[in-house]
């Protein structure tokens, strides 16, 4: 299989497996739980779906990014949180049950928000070529995001034992895919990588810190408790960059659009860890709220 086939066929299949694994960790109760914590869910979703794209748009204009890199930053902003946010929330004593609910809802919303925001960015920045997410590509995005999650949830419903056994291998596979794809995207533009990182490194770093801070501050402003605020911070700040990379490389077929997500995928681990330690200084003995209802 050549490189183009590996990207156009292999990468969506890999993402489908990752989203299937996400589905294995979800139950209908995760969606029903929203009714019990509507304010917490609403705060995080408004920040993630509405506020973050506005911040990203302001950053790409302020830094006068290359149009393709600008589209990549907007695609990154449209990408949802993922299971990594659940892990970070657990590490820093956040409300993991809230993260699981948000991840479930975001996985559905992303199939609609990603094409909407990305197409808007493509139109605004007037990038050359057939880069837009046409109807067929929108359906493809929906298929690789929603369908595997639904299948995973169905499998879990039929066999919780299998879902439990598959959880760790799928998480490891997810990390491996993210690393391989991010490194591949960076190497694919190795002749220009220095300039790209110089352009988007600061933008993605500021965007990550802004996302983490807004997730926490917005929750506290709305009088949510500390564990909920930490959960919101991690959900809003830690994006599922594998989705952004897959869409950039296999759906839009453009490596330059993938660069912001590749750079972010490295920065978010460092910045989220530092942010988490900053929030939890002096509270190491506090009980973790990581009980997930099923």
Protein backbone atom coordinates (compact mmCIF):
# COMPACT_ATOMS: atom_id res chain seq x y z
CA UNK A 1 0.00 0.00 0.00
CA UNK A 2 1.47 3.40 -1.01
CA UNK A 3 1.52 6.45 1.22
CA UNK A 4 -1.59 8.03 -0.35
CA UNK A 5 -3.61 4.84 0.13
CA UNK A 6 -2.30 4.54 3.69
CA UNK A 7 -3.59 8.02 4.45
CA UNK A 8 -6.87 7.88 2.53
CA UNK A 9 -7.86 4.37 3.66
CA UNK A 10 -5.70 3.36 6.62
CA UNK A 11 -6.06 6.57 8.64
CA UNK A 12 -9.89 6.69 8.58
CA UNK A 13 -9.96 3.00 9.55
CA UNK A 14 -7.58 3.74 12.44
CA UNK A 15 -9.79 6.64 13.58
CA UNK A 16 -12.86 4.41 13.29
CA UNK A 17 -11.19 1.91 15.63
CA UNK A 18 -10.38 4.72 18.08
CA UNK A 19 -13.97 5.99 17.98
CA UNK A 20 -15.20 2.40 18.38
CA UNK A 21 -13.06 2.21 21.52
CA UNK A 22 -14.61 5.46 22.72
CA UNK A 23 -18.04 3.89 22.20
CA UNK A 24 -16.99 0.90 24.30
CA UNK A 25 -16.54 3.27 27.25
CA UNK A 26 -19.97 4.91 26.88
CA UNK A 27 -23.47 3.91 27.92
CA UNK A 28 -26.90 5.51 27.43
CA UNK A 29 -26.61 6.59 31.07
CA UNK A 30 -23.83 8.98 30.05
CA UNK A 31 -26.33 10.85 27.89
CA UNK A 32 -29.11 10.63 30.49
CA UNK A 33 -26.77 12.07 33.14
CA UNK A 34 -26.91 15.37 31.25
CA UNK A 35 -30.40 15.92 32.67
CA UNK A 36 -28.97 15.77 36.19
CA UNK A 37 -26.12 18.25 35.56
CA UNK A 38 -27.47 20.47 32.78
CA UNK A 39 -25.61 23.62 33.84
CA UNK A 40 -22.20 21.92 33.96
CA UNK A 41 -22.72 20.36 30.54
CA UNK A 42 -24.09 23.58 29.03
CA UNK A 43 -21.12 25.66 30.24
CA UNK A 44 -18.53 23.32 28.72
CA UNK A 45 -20.43 22.87 25.44
CA UNK A 46 -20.99 26.61 24.93
CA UNK A 47 -17.28 27.24 25.51
CA UNK A 48 -16.21 24.42 23.23
CA UNK A 49 -18.67 24.81 20.37
CA UNK A 50 -19.15 28.59 20.29
CA UNK A 51 -16.40 30.43 22.18
CA UNK A 52 -13.31 28.46 21.12
CA UNK A 53 -13.84 28.93 17.37
CA UNK A 54 -14.19 32.69 17.96
CA UNK A 55 -10.93 32.74 19.93
CA UNK A 56 -9.17 30.67 17.26
CA UNK A 57 -10.46 32.99 14.54
CA UNK A 58 -9.17 36.02 16.44
CA UNK A 59 -5.76 34.41 16.88
CA UNK A 60 -5.28 33.50 13.21
CA UNK A 61 -6.22 37.04 12.21
CA UNK A 62 -3.99 38.61 14.86
CA UNK A 63 -1.00 36.51 13.80
CA UNK A 64 -1.83 36.81 10.08
CA UNK A 65 -1.39 33.09 9.45
CA UNK A 66 -0.99 31.50 6.04
CA UNK A 67 -4.54 30.62 4.81
CA UNK A 68 -4.01 26.84 4.94
CA UNK A 69 -2.56 27.03 8.44
CA UNK A 70 -5.48 29.26 9.44
CA UNK A 71 -7.93 26.62 8.21
CA UNK A 72 -5.96 24.05 10.21
CA UNK A 73 -6.30 26.09 13.40
CA UNK A 74 -10.07 26.42 12.84
CA UNK A 75 -10.35 22.68 12.20
CA UNK A 76 -8.47 22.12 15.46
CA UNK A 77 -10.85 24.47 17.31
CA UNK A 78 -13.83 22.54 15.93
CA UNK A 79 -12.48 19.17 17.06
CA UNK A 80 -14.09 17.82 20.24
CA UNK A 81 -12.53 16.72 23.49
CA UNK A 82 -11.74 13.04 23.80
CA UNK A 83 -10.88 10.23 26.15
CA UNK A 84 -7.51 11.83 26.97
CA UNK A 85 -9.46 14.63 28.67
CA UNK A 86 -11.08 11.97 30.88
CA UNK A 87 -7.63 10.70 31.90
CA UNK A 88 -6.32 14.17 32.75
CA UNK A 89 -9.49 14.94 34.69
CA UNK A 90 -8.97 11.78 36.73
CA UNK A 91 -5.31 12.62 37.39
CA UNK A 92 -6.17 16.10 38.69
CA UNK A 93 -9.27 15.11 40.68
CA UNK A 94 -11.94 16.37 38.34
CA UNK A 95 -15.49 15.07 37.89
CA UNK A 96 -14.75 12.28 35.41
CA UNK A 97 -18.43 11.35 35.09
CA UNK A 98 -19.00 14.85 33.70
CA UNK A 99 -16.13 14.34 31.24
CA UNK A 100 -17.64 11.09 30.02
CA UNK A 101 -21.00 12.79 29.44
CA UNK A 102 -19.33 15.66 27.58
CA UNK A 103 -17.26 13.28 25.46
CA UNK A 104 -20.40 11.38 24.49
CA UNK A 105 -22.26 14.53 23.43
CA UNK A 106 -19.23 16.05 21.71
CA UNK A 107 -18.70 12.91 19.65
CA UNK A 108 -22.15 13.43 18.14
CA UNK A 109 -21.94 17.22 17.79
CA UNK A 110 -18.51 17.09 16.13
CA UNK A 111 -19.93 15.37 13.06
CA UNK A 112 -21.93 18.54 12.40
CA UNK A 113 -19.75 21.30 13.85
CA UNK A 114 -16.51 20.24 12.15
CA UNK A 115 -17.85 20.54 8.58
CA UNK A 116 -19.68 23.78 9.43
CA UNK A 117 -16.68 25.55 11.00
CA UNK A 118 -14.12 24.13 8.57
CA UNK A 119 -16.12 25.06 5.49
CA UNK A 120 -16.65 28.53 6.93
CA UNK A 121 -12.90 28.93 7.39
CA UNK A 122 -12.16 27.59 3.89
CA UNK A 123 -14.60 30.11 2.42
CA UNK A 124 -13.34 33.04 4.50
CA UNK A 125 -9.64 32.46 3.87
CA UNK A 126 -10.31 31.66 0.20
CA UNK A 127 -7.82 28.81 0.02
CA UNK A 128 -6.99 27.48 -3.41
CA UNK A 129 -8.17 24.18 -4.81
CA UNK A 130 -11.07 21.86 -4.03
CA UNK A 131 -10.49 21.84 -0.30
CA UNK A 132 -14.06 22.23 0.89
CA UNK A 133 -16.03 19.54 2.72
CA UNK A 134 -18.63 18.75 0.06
CA UNK A 135 -21.73 16.67 0.83
CA UNK A 136 -19.92 13.37 0.27
CA UNK A 137 -17.06 14.41 2.53
CA UNK A 138 -19.44 15.64 5.23
CA UNK A 139 -21.10 12.22 5.17
CA UNK A 140 -17.63 10.65 5.42
CA UNK A 141 -16.82 12.75 8.51
CA UNK A 142 -20.12 11.76 10.11
CA UNK A 143 -19.48 8.11 9.29
CA UNK A 144 -16.02 7.95 10.84
CA UNK A 145 -17.11 9.87 13.95
CA UNK A 146 -20.64 8.73 14.84
CA UNK A 147 -21.05 5.23 13.40
CA UNK A 148 -18.08 3.59 15.21
CA UNK A 149 -19.15 5.19 18.50
CA UNK A 150 -22.66 3.77 18.07
CA UNK A 151 -21.25 0.32 17.25
CA UNK A 152 -18.96 0.46 20.28
CA UNK A 153 -21.87 1.35 22.56
CA UNK A 154 -23.90 -1.53 21.10
CA UNK A 155 -21.04 -3.97 21.70
CA UNK A 156 -20.65 -2.76 25.28
CA UNK A 157 -24.38 -3.21 25.86
CA UNK A 158 -24.11 -6.82 24.68
CA UNK A 159 -20.80 -7.66 26.39
CA UNK A 160 -19.39 -5.46 29.13
CA UNK A 161 -16.63 -8.01 29.69
CA UNK A 162 -15.35 -7.57 26.11
CA UNK A 163 -15.59 -3.78 26.45
CA UNK A 164 -13.50 -3.88 29.62
CA UNK A 165 -10.85 -6.12 28.00
CA UNK A 166 -10.65 -3.96 24.90
CA UNK A 167 -10.33 -0.65 26.75
CA UNK A 168 -6.58 -0.71 27.41
CA UNK A 169 -5.50 -2.01 23.96
CA UNK A 170 -7.63 0.61 22.20
CA UNK A 171 -6.22 3.39 24.39
CA UNK A 172 -2.67 2.29 23.57
CA UNK A 173 -3.58 2.05 19.89
CA UNK A 174 -5.02 5.58 20.06
CA UNK A 175 -1.80 7.01 21.46
CA UNK A 176 0.32 5.17 18.89
CA UNK A 177 -1.83 6.39 16.01
CA UNK A 178 -1.71 9.98 17.28
CA UNK A 179 2.08 9.92 17.60
CA UNK A 180 2.61 8.27 14.21
CA UNK A 181 0.21 10.61 12.38
CA UNK A 182 1.50 13.76 14.09
CA UNK A 183 5.13 12.87 13.36
CA UNK A 184 4.19 11.86 9.81
CA UNK A 185 2.43 15.16 9.20
CA UNK A 186 5.42 17.10 10.48
CA UNK A 187 7.88 15.04 8.42
CA UNK A 188 5.68 15.41 5.36
CA UNK A 189 6.32 19.15 5.51
CA UNK A 190 9.91 18.84 6.75
CA UNK A 191 11.24 21.33 4.19
CA UNK A 192 8.92 24.01 5.56
CA UNK A 193 8.47 22.73 9.09
CA UNK A 194 10.67 25.35 10.76
CA UNK A 195 8.60 28.18 9.35
CA UNK A 196 5.30 26.44 10.10
CA UNK A 197 6.19 25.76 13.73
CA UNK A 198 7.38 29.35 14.09
CA UNK A 199 4.00 30.52 12.78
CA UNK A 200 1.63 28.13 14.56
CA UNK A 201 3.64 27.18 17.68
CA UNK A 202 2.79 30.39 19.51
CA UNK A 203 -0.78 30.47 18.20
CA UNK A 204 -1.54 26.89 19.23
CA UNK A 205 0.19 27.39 22.59
CA UNK A 206 -1.90 30.49 23.35
CA UNK A 207 -5.02 28.71 22.12
CA UNK A 208 -4.35 25.73 24.40
CA UNK A 209 -3.79 27.90 27.47
CA UNK A 210 -6.85 30.00 26.64
CA UNK A 211 -8.95 26.83 26.27
CA UNK A 212 -7.80 25.38 29.60
CA UNK A 213 -8.26 28.69 31.41
CA UNK A 214 -11.69 29.41 29.94
CA UNK A 215 -12.89 25.91 30.70
CA UNK A 216 -11.99 26.39 34.35
CA UNK A 217 -12.85 30.08 34.80
CA UNK A 218 -16.16 29.78 32.93
CA UNK A 219 -17.24 26.90 35.14
CA UNK A 220 -16.29 28.72 38.34
CA UNK A 221 -18.02 31.89 37.12
CA UNK A 222 -21.20 29.84 36.74
CA UNK A 223 -20.74 28.60 40.35
CA UNK A 224 -19.85 25.02 39.47
CA UNK A 225 -17.77 23.19 42.06
CA UNK A 226 -14.02 22.61 41.80
CA UNK A 227 -14.12 19.04 40.40
CA UNK A 228 -16.64 20.13 37.75
CA UNK A 229 -14.47 23.13 36.86
CA UNK A 230 -11.39 20.91 36.44
CA UNK A 231 -13.41 18.51 34.28
CA UNK A 232 -14.60 21.42 32.15
CA UNK A 233 -11.06 22.75 31.81
CA UNK A 234 -9.67 19.45 30.57
CA UNK A 235 -12.60 18.79 28.24
CA UNK A 236 -12.36 22.22 26.64
CA UNK A 237 -8.55 22.34 26.54
CA UNK A 238 -7.65 18.82 25.40
CA UNK A 239 -8.86 18.24 21.85
CA UNK A 240 -9.16 14.97 19.96
CA UNK A 241 -6.40 15.94 17.55
CA UNK A 242 -6.56 12.55 15.83
CA UNK A 243 -9.91 13.61 14.34
CA UNK A 244 -8.42 16.89 13.08
CA UNK A 245 -5.37 15.11 11.63
CA UNK A 246 -7.52 12.47 9.91
CA UNK A 247 -9.80 15.04 8.31
CA UNK A 248 -6.87 17.20 7.18
CA UNK A 249 -4.86 14.33 5.73
CA UNK A 250 -7.46 11.90 4.39
CA UNK A 251 -10.61 13.98 3.78
CA UNK A 252 -9.11 17.33 2.76
CA UNK A 253 -5.88 15.69 1.51
CA UNK A 254 -3.69 18.54 2.68
CA UNK A 255 -0.66 18.17 4.95
CA UNK A 256 -0.29 21.87 5.70
CA UNK A 257 -3.80 21.98 7.17
CA UNK A 258 -2.74 19.16 9.53
CA UNK A 259 0.27 21.06 10.95
CA UNK A 260 -1.59 23.03 13.68
CA UNK A 261 -3.20 19.83 15.04
CA UNK A 262 0.15 18.02 14.94
CA UNK A 263 1.85 20.80 16.91
CA UNK A 264 -1.09 21.08 19.33
CA UNK A 265 -1.04 17.34 19.99
CA UNK A 266 2.42 17.78 21.53
CA UNK A 267 1.82 21.08 23.33
CA UNK A 268 -1.48 20.10 24.96
CA UNK A 269 0.09 17.30 27.01
CA UNK A 270 2.74 19.62 28.42
CA UNK A 271 0.45 22.58 29.03
CA UNK A 272 -2.48 20.55 30.42
CA UNK A 273 -0.13 18.80 32.86
CA UNK A 274 1.33 22.11 34.05
CA UNK A 275 -2.15 23.65 34.29
CA UNK A 276 -3.46 20.67 36.26
CA UNK A 277 -0.61 20.87 38.77
CA UNK A 278 -1.19 24.60 39.12
CA UNK A 279 -4.88 24.04 39.95
CA UNK A 280 -4.32 21.24 42.43
CA UNK A 281 -1.39 22.61 44.45
CA UNK A 282 -2.11 22.00 48.12
CA UNK A 283 -5.13 19.83 47.38
CA UNK A 284 -3.43 16.48 46.81
CA UNK A 285 -5.37 14.88 49.64
CA UNK A 286 -8.78 15.81 48.25
CA UNK A 287 -10.92 12.88 47.17
CA UNK A 288 -11.17 12.22 43.44
CA UNK A 289 -14.62 12.25 41.87
CA UNK A 290 -14.18 9.60 39.23
CA UNK A 291 -17.17 7.32 39.78
CA UNK A 292 -18.83 6.80 36.43
CA UNK A 293 -22.43 5.73 36.54
CA UNK A 294 -23.46 2.98 34.22
